[in-house]
PDB file of all heavy atoms in Angstrom:
ATOM      1  N   PRO A   1      27.515  -7.328  63.546  1.00  0.00           N
ATOM      2  CA  PRO A   1      28.276  -6.085  63.341  1.00  0.00           C
ATOM      3  C   PRO A   1      29.744  -6.328  62.987  1.00  0.00           C
ATOM      4  O   PRO A   1      30.330  -5.573  62.208  1.00  0.00           O
ATOM      5  CB  PRO A   1      28.131  -5.365  64.685  1.00  0.00           C
ATOM      6  CG  PRO A   1      26.803  -5.817  65.198  1.00  0.00           C
ATOM      7  CD  PRO A   1      26.715  -7.266  64.795  1.00  0.00           C
ATOM      8  N   TRP A   2      30.341  -7.396  63.536  1.00  0.00           N
ATOM      9  CA  TRP A   2      31.749  -7.642  63.240  1.00  0.00           C
ATOM     10  C   TRP A   2      31.964  -7.986  61.775  1.00  0.00           C
ATOM     11  O   TRP A   2      33.022  -7.676  61.200  1.00  0.00           O
ATOM     12  CB  TRP A   2      32.342  -8.715  64.155  1.00  0.00           C
ATOM     13  CG  TRP A   2      31.804 -10.109  63.999  1.00  0.00           C
ATOM     14  CD1 TRP A   2      30.846 -10.692  64.764  1.00  0.00           C
ATOM     15  CD2 TRP A   2      32.220 -11.107  63.056  1.00  0.00           C
ATOM     16  NE1 TRP A   2      30.618 -11.988  64.352  1.00  0.00           N
ATOM     17  CE2 TRP A   2      31.450 -12.269  63.314  1.00  0.00           C
ATOM     18  CE3 TRP A   2      33.160 -11.142  62.027  1.00  0.00           C
ATOM     19  CZ2 TRP A   2      31.587 -13.442  62.567  1.00  0.00           C
ATOM     20  CZ3 TRP A   2      33.303 -12.307  61.280  1.00  0.00           C
ATOM     21  CH2 TRP A   2      32.524 -13.437  61.540  1.00  0.00           C
ATOM     22  N   VAL A   3      30.962  -8.604  61.144  1.00  0.00           N
ATOM     23  CA  VAL A   3      31.064  -8.907  59.713  1.00  0.00           C
ATOM     24  C   VAL A   3      31.034  -7.608  58.907  1.00  0.00           C
ATOM     25  O   VAL A   3      31.783  -7.441  57.939  1.00  0.00           O
ATOM     26  CB  VAL A   3      29.917  -9.841  59.259  1.00  0.00           C
ATOM     27  CG1 VAL A   3      30.011 -10.109  57.751  1.00  0.00           C
ATOM     28  CG2 VAL A   3      29.961 -11.153  60.027  1.00  0.00           C
ATOM     29  N   VAL A   4      30.180  -6.684  59.333  1.00  0.00           N
ATOM     30  CA  VAL A   4      30.104  -5.371  58.678  1.00  0.00           C
ATOM     31  C   VAL A   4      31.456  -4.669  58.757  1.00  0.00           C
ATOM     32  O   VAL A   4      31.975  -4.164  57.751  1.00  0.00           O
ATOM     33  CB  VAL A   4      29.016  -4.492  59.328  1.00  0.00           C
ATOM     34  CG1 VAL A   4      28.980  -3.107  58.681  1.00  0.00           C
ATOM     35  CG2 VAL A   4      27.655  -5.156  59.221  1.00  0.00           C
ATOM     36  N   ARG A   5      32.028  -4.638  59.948  1.00  0.00           N
ATOM     37  CA  ARG A   5      33.315  -3.966  60.160  1.00  0.00           C
ATOM     38  C   ARG A   5      34.418  -4.612  59.324  1.00  0.00           C
ATOM     39  O   ARG A   5      35.258  -3.937  58.725  1.00  0.00           O
ATOM     40  CB  ARG A   5      33.687  -4.030  61.641  1.00  0.00           C
ATOM     41  CG  ARG A   5      32.788  -3.224  62.541  1.00  0.00           C
ATOM     42  CD  ARG A   5      33.221  -1.777  62.607  1.00  0.00           C
ATOM     43  NE  ARG A   5      34.547  -1.650  63.188  1.00  0.00           N
ATOM     44  CZ  ARG A   5      35.533  -0.943  62.665  1.00  0.00           C
ATOM     45  NH1 ARG A   5      35.346  -0.313  61.514  1.00  0.00           N
ATOM     46  NH2 ARG A   5      36.704  -0.853  63.267  1.00  0.00           N
ATOM     47  N   LEU A   6      34.405  -5.947  59.258  1.00  0.00           N
ATOM     48  CA  LEU A   6      35.430  -6.681  58.529  1.00  0.00           C
ATOM     49  C   LEU A   6      35.323  -6.427  57.027  1.00  0.00           C
ATOM     50  O   LEU A   6      36.330  -6.162  56.349  1.00  0.00           O
ATOM     51  CB  LEU A   6      35.291  -8.174  58.826  1.00  0.00           C
ATOM     52  CG  LEU A   6      36.449  -9.085  58.429  1.00  0.00           C
ATOM     53  CD1 LEU A   6      37.741  -8.637  59.104  1.00  0.00           C
ATOM     54  CD2 LEU A   6      36.122 -10.527  58.817  1.00  0.00           C
ATOM     55  N   ARG A   7      34.112  -6.494  56.503  1.00  0.00           N
ATOM     56  CA  ARG A   7      33.930  -6.255  55.061  1.00  0.00           C
ATOM     57  C   ARG A   7      34.286  -4.822  54.680  1.00  0.00           C
ATOM     58  O   ARG A   7      34.888  -4.579  53.630  1.00  0.00           O
ATOM     59  CB  ARG A   7      32.481  -6.566  54.660  1.00  0.00           C
ATOM     60  CG  ARG A   7      32.132  -8.037  54.690  1.00  0.00           C
ATOM     61  CD  ARG A   7      30.755  -8.289  54.094  1.00  0.00           C
ATOM     62  NE  ARG A   7      30.406  -9.700  54.128  1.00  0.00           N
ATOM     63  CZ  ARG A   7      29.321 -10.223  53.557  1.00  0.00           C
ATOM     64  NH1 ARG A   7      28.476  -9.425  52.919  1.00  0.00           N
ATOM     65  NH2 ARG A   7      29.074 -11.504  53.623  1.00  0.00           N
ATOM     66  N   TYR A   8      33.910  -3.890  55.528  1.00  0.00           N
ATOM     67  CA  TYR A   8      34.223  -2.483  55.254  1.00  0.00           C
ATOM     68  C   TYR A   8      35.740  -2.277  55.230  1.00  0.00           C
ATOM     69  O   TYR A   8      36.263  -1.609  54.324  1.00  0.00           O
ATOM     70  CB  TYR A   8      33.592  -1.586  56.317  1.00  0.00           C
ATOM     71  CG  TYR A   8      33.823  -0.110  56.075  1.00  0.00           C
ATOM     72  CD1 TYR A   8      32.933   0.624  55.289  1.00  0.00           C
ATOM     73  CD2 TYR A   8      34.925   0.548  56.618  1.00  0.00           C
ATOM     74  CE1 TYR A   8      33.141   1.977  55.059  1.00  0.00           C
ATOM     75  CE2 TYR A   8      35.143   1.892  56.387  1.00  0.00           C
ATOM     76  CZ  TYR A   8      34.247   2.604  55.608  1.00  0.00           C
ATOM     77  OH  TYR A   8      34.467   3.940  55.368  1.00  0.00           O
ATOM     78  N   ALA A   9      36.429  -2.842  56.197  1.00  0.00           N
ATOM     79  CA  ALA A   9      37.884  -2.704  56.250  1.00  0.00           C
ATOM     80  C   ALA A   9      38.527  -3.317  55.019  1.00  0.00           C
ATOM     81  O   ALA A   9      39.496  -2.771  54.469  1.00  0.00           O
ATOM     82  CB  ALA A   9      38.420  -3.370  57.520  1.00  0.00           C
ATOM     83  N   TYR A  10      37.996  -4.452  54.559  1.00  0.00           N
ATOM     84  CA  TYR A  10      38.538  -5.124  53.378  1.00  0.00           C
ATOM     85  C   TYR A  10      38.316  -4.259  52.130  1.00  0.00           C
ATOM     86  O   TYR A  10      39.234  -4.081  51.319  1.00  0.00           O
ATOM     87  CB  TYR A  10      37.865  -6.482  53.223  1.00  0.00           C
ATOM     88  CG  TYR A  10      38.473  -7.356  52.152  1.00  0.00           C
ATOM     89  CD1 TYR A  10      39.830  -7.657  52.159  1.00  0.00           C
ATOM     90  CD2 TYR A  10      37.679  -7.904  51.136  1.00  0.00           C
ATOM     91  CE1 TYR A  10      40.389  -8.476  51.194  1.00  0.00           C
ATOM     92  CE2 TYR A  10      38.231  -8.726  50.168  1.00  0.00           C
ATOM     93  CZ  TYR A  10      39.584  -9.006  50.191  1.00  0.00           C
ATOM     94  OH  TYR A  10      40.150  -9.808  49.227  1.00  0.00           O
ATOM     95  N   ALA A  11      37.110  -3.717  51.983  1.00  0.00           N
ATOM     96  CA  ALA A  11      36.815  -2.857  50.838  1.00  0.00           C
ATOM     97  C   ALA A  11      37.714  -1.629  50.843  1.00  0.00           C
ATOM     98  O   ALA A  11      38.258  -1.225  49.800  1.00  0.00           O
ATOM     99  CB  ALA A  11      35.341  -2.438  50.861  1.00  0.00           C
ATOM    100  N   ASP A  12      37.890  -1.037  52.007  1.00  0.00           N
ATOM    101  CA  ASP A  12      38.717   0.158  52.128  1.00  0.00           C
ATOM    102  C   ASP A  12      40.172  -0.143  51.764  1.00  0.00           C
ATOM    103  O   ASP A  12      40.833   0.646  51.078  1.00  0.00           O
ATOM    104  CB  ASP A  12      38.628   0.688  53.561  1.00  0.00           C
ATOM    105  CG  ASP A  12      39.391   1.983  53.756  1.00  0.00           C
ATOM    106  OD1 ASP A  12      39.076   2.967  53.065  1.00  0.00           O
ATOM    107  OD2 ASP A  12      40.308   2.013  54.592  1.00  0.00           O
ATOM    108  N   LEU A  13      40.651  -1.292  52.203  1.00  0.00           N
ATOM    109  CA  LEU A  13      42.034  -1.665  51.924  1.00  0.00           C
ATOM    110  C   LEU A  13      42.232  -1.974  50.436  1.00  0.00           C
ATOM    111  O   LEU A  13      43.266  -1.632  49.859  1.00  0.00           O
ATOM    112  CB  LEU A  13      42.419  -2.874  52.776  1.00  0.00           C
ATOM    113  CG  LEU A  13      43.914  -3.068  53.078  1.00  0.00           C
ATOM    114  CD1 LEU A  13      44.501  -1.813  53.711  1.00  0.00           C
ATOM    115  CD2 LEU A  13      44.100  -4.249  54.023  1.00  0.00           C
ATOM    116  N   LEU A  14      41.240  -2.607  49.824  1.00  0.00           N
ATOM    117  CA  LEU A  14      41.310  -2.868  48.384  1.00  0.00           C
ATOM    118  C   LEU A  14      41.405  -1.555  47.605  1.00  0.00           C
ATOM    119  O   LEU A  14      42.178  -1.439  46.644  1.00  0.00           O
ATOM    120  CB  LEU A  14      40.078  -3.651  47.925  1.00  0.00           C
ATOM    121  CG  LEU A  14      40.045  -5.141  48.282  1.00  0.00           C
ATOM    122  CD1 LEU A  14      38.652  -5.706  48.056  1.00  0.00           C
ATOM    123  CD2 LEU A  14      41.074  -5.924  47.454  1.00  0.00           C
ATOM    124  N   LEU A  15      40.637  -0.576  48.043  1.00  0.00           N
ATOM    125  CA  LEU A  15      40.659   0.719  47.368  1.00  0.00           C
ATOM    126  C   LEU A  15      42.028   1.382  47.528  1.00  0.00           C
ATOM    127  O   LEU A  15      42.583   1.923  46.567  1.00  0.00           O
ATOM    128  CB  LEU A  15      39.563   1.621  47.939  1.00  0.00           C
ATOM    129  CG  LEU A  15      39.329   2.958  47.220  1.00  0.00           C
ATOM    130  CD1 LEU A  15      38.916   2.727  45.766  1.00  0.00           C
ATOM    131  CD2 LEU A  15      38.257   3.769  47.940  1.00  0.00           C
ATOM    132  N   LYS A  16      42.580   1.322  48.731  1.00  0.00           N
ATOM    133  CA  LYS A  16      43.902   1.901  48.972  1.00  0.00           C
ATOM    134  C   LYS A  16      44.979   1.183  48.165  1.00  0.00           C
ATOM    135  O   LYS A  16      45.995   1.774  47.802  1.00  0.00           O
ATOM    136  CB  LYS A  16      44.241   1.831  50.463  1.00  0.00           C
ATOM    137  CG  LYS A  16      43.428   2.771  51.332  1.00  0.00           C
ATOM    138  CD  LYS A  16      43.783   2.597  52.800  1.00  0.00           C
ATOM    139  CE  LYS A  16      42.982   3.555  53.678  1.00  0.00           C
ATOM    140  NZ  LYS A  16      43.267   3.342  55.128  1.00  0.00           N
ATOM    141  N   ALA A  17      44.744  -0.098  47.881  1.00  0.00           N
ATOM    142  CA  ALA A  17      45.704  -0.892  47.120  1.00  0.00           C
ATOM    143  C   ALA A  17      45.536  -0.688  45.620  1.00  0.00           C
ATOM    144  O   ALA A  17      46.252  -1.308  44.827  1.00  0.00           O
ATOM    145  CB  ALA A  17      45.558  -2.367  47.473  1.00  0.00           C
ATOM    146  N   GLY A  18      44.583   0.152  45.231  1.00  0.00           N
ATOM    147  CA  GLY A  18      44.372   0.430  43.816  1.00  0.00           C
ATOM    148  C   GLY A  18      43.497  -0.576  43.104  1.00  0.00           C
ATOM    149  O   GLY A  18      43.393  -0.545  41.866  1.00  0.00           O
ATOM    150  N   ARG A  19      42.845  -1.452  43.833  1.00  0.00           N
ATOM    151  CA  ARG A  19      41.980  -2.473  43.233  1.00  0.00           C
ATOM    152  C   ARG A  19      40.529  -1.992  43.314  1.00  0.00           C
ATOM    153  O   ARG A  19      39.716  -2.504  44.065  1.00  0.00           O
ATOM    154  CB  ARG A  19      42.210  -3.813  43.925  1.00  0.00           C
ATOM    155  CG  ARG A  19      43.617  -4.332  43.662  1.00  0.00           C
ATOM    156  CD  ARG A  19      44.094  -5.384  44.629  1.00  0.00           C
ATOM    157  NE  ARG A  19      43.272  -6.584  44.660  1.00  0.00           N
ATOM    158  CZ  ARG A  19      43.598  -7.696  45.347  1.00  0.00           C
ATOM    159  NH1 ARG A  19      44.737  -7.717  46.039  1.00  0.00           N
ATOM    160  NH2 ARG A  19      42.811  -8.747  45.331  1.00  0.00           N
ATOM    161  N   ARG A  20      40.236  -1.001  42.515  1.00  0.00           N
ATOM    162  CA  ARG A  20      38.987  -0.245  42.592  1.00  0.00           C
ATOM    163  C   ARG A  20      37.737  -1.101  42.359  1.00  0.00           C
ATOM    164  O   ARG A  20      36.767  -1.018  43.112  1.00  0.00           O
ATOM    165  CB  ARG A  20      39.034   0.901  41.576  1.00  0.00           C
ATOM    166  CG  ARG A  20      37.867   1.852  41.626  1.00  0.00           C
ATOM    167  CD  ARG A  20      37.944   2.850  40.485  1.00  0.00           C
ATOM    168  NE  ARG A  20      36.891   3.835  40.560  1.00  0.00           N
ATOM    169  CZ  ARG A  20      36.967   4.959  41.247  1.00  0.00           C
ATOM    170  NH1 ARG A  20      38.057   5.234  41.930  1.00  0.00           N
ATOM    171  NH2 ARG A  20      35.961   5.812  41.258  1.00  0.00           N
ATOM    172  N   ASP A  21      37.755  -1.918  41.303  1.00  0.00           N
ATOM    173  CA  ASP A  21      36.570  -2.719  40.992  1.00  0.00           C
ATOM    174  C   ASP A  21      36.250  -3.697  42.115  1.00  0.00           C
ATOM    175  O   ASP A  21      35.075  -3.890  42.474  1.00  0.00           O
ATOM    176  CB  ASP A  21      36.776  -3.478  39.678  1.00  0.00           C
ATOM    177  CG  ASP A  21      36.789  -2.549  38.466  1.00  0.00           C
ATOM    178  OD1 ASP A  21      36.330  -1.397  38.603  1.00  0.00           O
ATOM    179  OD2 ASP A  21      37.258  -2.973  37.394  1.00  0.00           O
ATOM    180  N   GLU A  22      37.286  -4.316  42.672  1.00  0.00           N
ATOM    181  CA  GLU A  22      37.071  -5.236  43.784  1.00  0.00           C
ATOM    182  C   GLU A  22      36.579  -4.480  45.015  1.00  0.00           C
ATOM    183  O   GLU A  22      35.741  -4.995  45.773  1.00  0.00           O
ATOM    184  CB  GLU A  22      38.364  -5.976  44.103  1.00  0.00           C
ATOM    185  CG  GLU A  22      38.806  -6.956  43.040  1.00  0.00           C
ATOM    186  CD  GLU A  22      40.173  -7.526  43.339  1.00  0.00           C
ATOM    187  OE1 GLU A  22      40.244  -8.536  44.079  1.00  0.00           O
ATOM    188  OE2 GLU A  22      41.165  -6.944  42.860  1.00  0.00           O
ATOM    189  N   ALA A  23      37.101  -3.268  45.209  1.00  0.00           N
ATOM    190  CA  ALA A  23      36.659  -2.455  46.342  1.00  0.00           C
ATOM    191  C   ALA A  23      35.173  -2.151  46.224  1.00  0.00           C
ATOM    192  O   ALA A  23      34.418  -2.246  47.210  1.00  0.00           O
ATOM    193  CB  ALA A  23      37.455  -1.158  46.404  1.00  0.00           C
ATOM    194  N   ILE A  24      34.730  -1.792  45.022  1.00  0.00           N
ATOM    195  CA  ILE A  24      33.305  -1.502  44.810  1.00  0.00           C
ATOM    196  C   ILE A  24      32.465  -2.730  45.120  1.00  0.00           C
ATOM    197  O   ILE A  24      31.409  -2.640  45.765  1.00  0.00           O
ATOM    198  CB  ILE A  24      33.070  -1.026  43.362  1.00  0.00           C
ATOM    199  CG1 ILE A  24      33.643   0.389  43.182  1.00  0.00           C
ATOM    200  CG2 ILE A  24      31.579  -1.051  43.020  1.00  0.00           C
ATOM    201  CD1 ILE A  24      33.569   0.906  41.763  1.00  0.00           C
ATOM    202  N   GLU A  25      32.937  -3.896  44.676  1.00  0.00           N
ATOM    203  CA  GLU A  25      32.217  -5.145  44.967  1.00  0.00           C
ATOM    204  C   GLU A  25      32.062  -5.346  46.471  1.00  0.00           C
ATOM    205  O   GLU A  25      30.981  -5.693  46.961  1.00  0.00           O
ATOM    206  CB  GLU A  25      32.963  -6.333  44.359  1.00  0.00           C
ATOM    207  CG  GLU A  25      32.341  -7.674  44.730  1.00  0.00           C
ATOM    208  CD  GLU A  25      33.218  -8.858  44.356  1.00  0.00           C
ATOM    209  OE1 GLU A  25      34.200  -8.676  43.609  1.00  0.00           O
ATOM    210  OE2 GLU A  25      32.923  -9.976  44.843  1.00  0.00           O
ATOM    211  N   TRP A  26      33.141  -5.092  47.217  1.00  0.00           N
ATOM    212  CA  TRP A  26      33.082  -5.343  48.654  1.00  0.00           C
ATOM    213  C   TRP A  26      32.362  -4.243  49.418  1.00  0.00           C
ATOM    214  O   TRP A  26      31.804  -4.495  50.491  1.00  0.00           O
ATOM    215  CB  TRP A  26      34.479  -5.597  49.197  1.00  0.00           C
ATOM    216  CG  TRP A  26      34.857  -7.026  48.934  1.00  0.00           C
ATOM    217  CD1 TRP A  26      35.568  -7.518  47.870  1.00  0.00           C
ATOM    218  CD2 TRP A  26      34.444  -8.154  49.699  1.00  0.00           C
ATOM    219  NE1 TRP A  26      35.641  -8.883  47.943  1.00  0.00           N
ATOM    220  CE2 TRP A  26      34.974  -9.301  49.055  1.00  0.00           C
ATOM    221  CE3 TRP A  26      33.709  -8.319  50.869  1.00  0.00           C
ATOM    222  CZ2 TRP A  26      34.759 -10.593  49.548  1.00  0.00           C
ATOM    223  CZ3 TRP A  26      33.506  -9.593  51.363  1.00  0.00           C
ATOM    224  CH2 TRP A  26      34.024 -10.713  50.702  1.00  0.00           C
ATOM    225  N   PHE A  27      32.310  -3.049  48.875  1.00  0.00           N
ATOM    226  CA  PHE A  27      31.445  -2.042  49.493  1.00  0.00           C
ATOM    227  C   PHE A  27      29.987  -2.455  49.306  1.00  0.00           C
ATOM    228  O   PHE A  27      29.163  -2.263  50.203  1.00  0.00           O
ATOM    229  CB  PHE A  27      31.706  -0.659  48.894  1.00  0.00           C
ATOM    230  CG  PHE A  27      32.857   0.084  49.535  1.00  0.00           C
ATOM    231  CD1 PHE A  27      33.916   0.562  48.775  1.00  0.00           C
ATOM    232  CD2 PHE A  27      32.889   0.299  50.912  1.00  0.00           C
ATOM    233  CE1 PHE A  27      34.978   1.232  49.366  1.00  0.00           C
ATOM    234  CE2 PHE A  27      33.950   0.971  51.515  1.00  0.00           C
ATOM    235  CZ  PHE A  27      35.002   1.439  50.739  1.00  0.00           C
ATOM    236  N   HIS A  28      29.678  -3.035  48.151  1.00  0.00           N
ATOM    237  CA  HIS A  28      28.328  -3.565  47.932  1.00  0.00           C
ATOM    238  C   HIS A  28      28.027  -4.665  48.949  1.00  0.00           C
ATOM    239  O   HIS A  28      26.938  -4.709  49.537  1.00  0.00           O
ATOM    240  CB  HIS A  28      28.194  -4.129  46.506  1.00  0.00           C
ATOM    241  CG  HIS A  28      27.747  -3.132  45.493  1.00  0.00           C
ATOM    242  ND1 HIS A  28      26.484  -2.565  45.500  1.00  0.00           N
ATOM    243  CD2 HIS A  28      28.397  -2.602  44.422  1.00  0.00           C
ATOM    244  CE1 HIS A  28      26.365  -1.721  44.487  1.00  0.00           C
ATOM    245  NE2 HIS A  28      27.508  -1.718  43.813  1.00  0.00           N
ATOM    246  N   ARG A  29      28.989  -5.552  49.155  1.00  0.00           N
ATOM    247  CA  ARG A  29      28.806  -6.647  50.107  1.00  0.00           C
ATOM    248  C   ARG A  29      28.648  -6.114  51.530  1.00  0.00           C
ATOM    249  O   ARG A  29      27.943  -6.711  52.354  1.00  0.00           O
ATOM    250  CB  ARG A  29      29.998  -7.606  50.045  1.00  0.00           C
ATOM    251  CG  ARG A  29      30.052  -8.462  48.783  1.00  0.00           C
ATOM    252  CD  ARG A  29      31.358  -9.249  48.734  1.00  0.00           C
ATOM    253  NE  ARG A  29      31.432 -10.111  47.569  1.00  0.00           N
ATOM    254  CZ  ARG A  29      31.241 -11.427  47.592  1.00  0.00           C
ATOM    255  NH1 ARG A  29      30.939 -12.034  48.729  1.00  0.00           N
ATOM    256  NH2 ARG A  29      31.343 -12.144  46.489  1.00  0.00           N
ATOM    257  N   THR A  30      29.300  -5.006  51.811  1.00  0.00           N
ATOM    258  CA  THR A  30      29.172  -4.395  53.135  1.00  0.00           C
ATOM    259  C   THR A  30      27.774  -3.819  53.314  1.00  0.00           C
ATOM    260  O   THR A  30      27.118  -4.051  54.341  1.00  0.00           O
ATOM    261  CB  THR A  30      30.216  -3.281  53.319  1.00  0.00           C
ATOM    262  OG1 THR A  30      31.523  -3.807  53.131  1.00  0.00           O
ATOM    263  CG2 THR A  30      30.114  -2.674  54.720  1.00  0.00           C
TER     264      THR A  30
END
């Protein structure tokens, strides 16, 4: 579960930083 939480937080932060394509990749990884 901690990996899920970590990946989700990373994807969310990428999206907030305007890095949309990378965010989508990490939501997929989540």
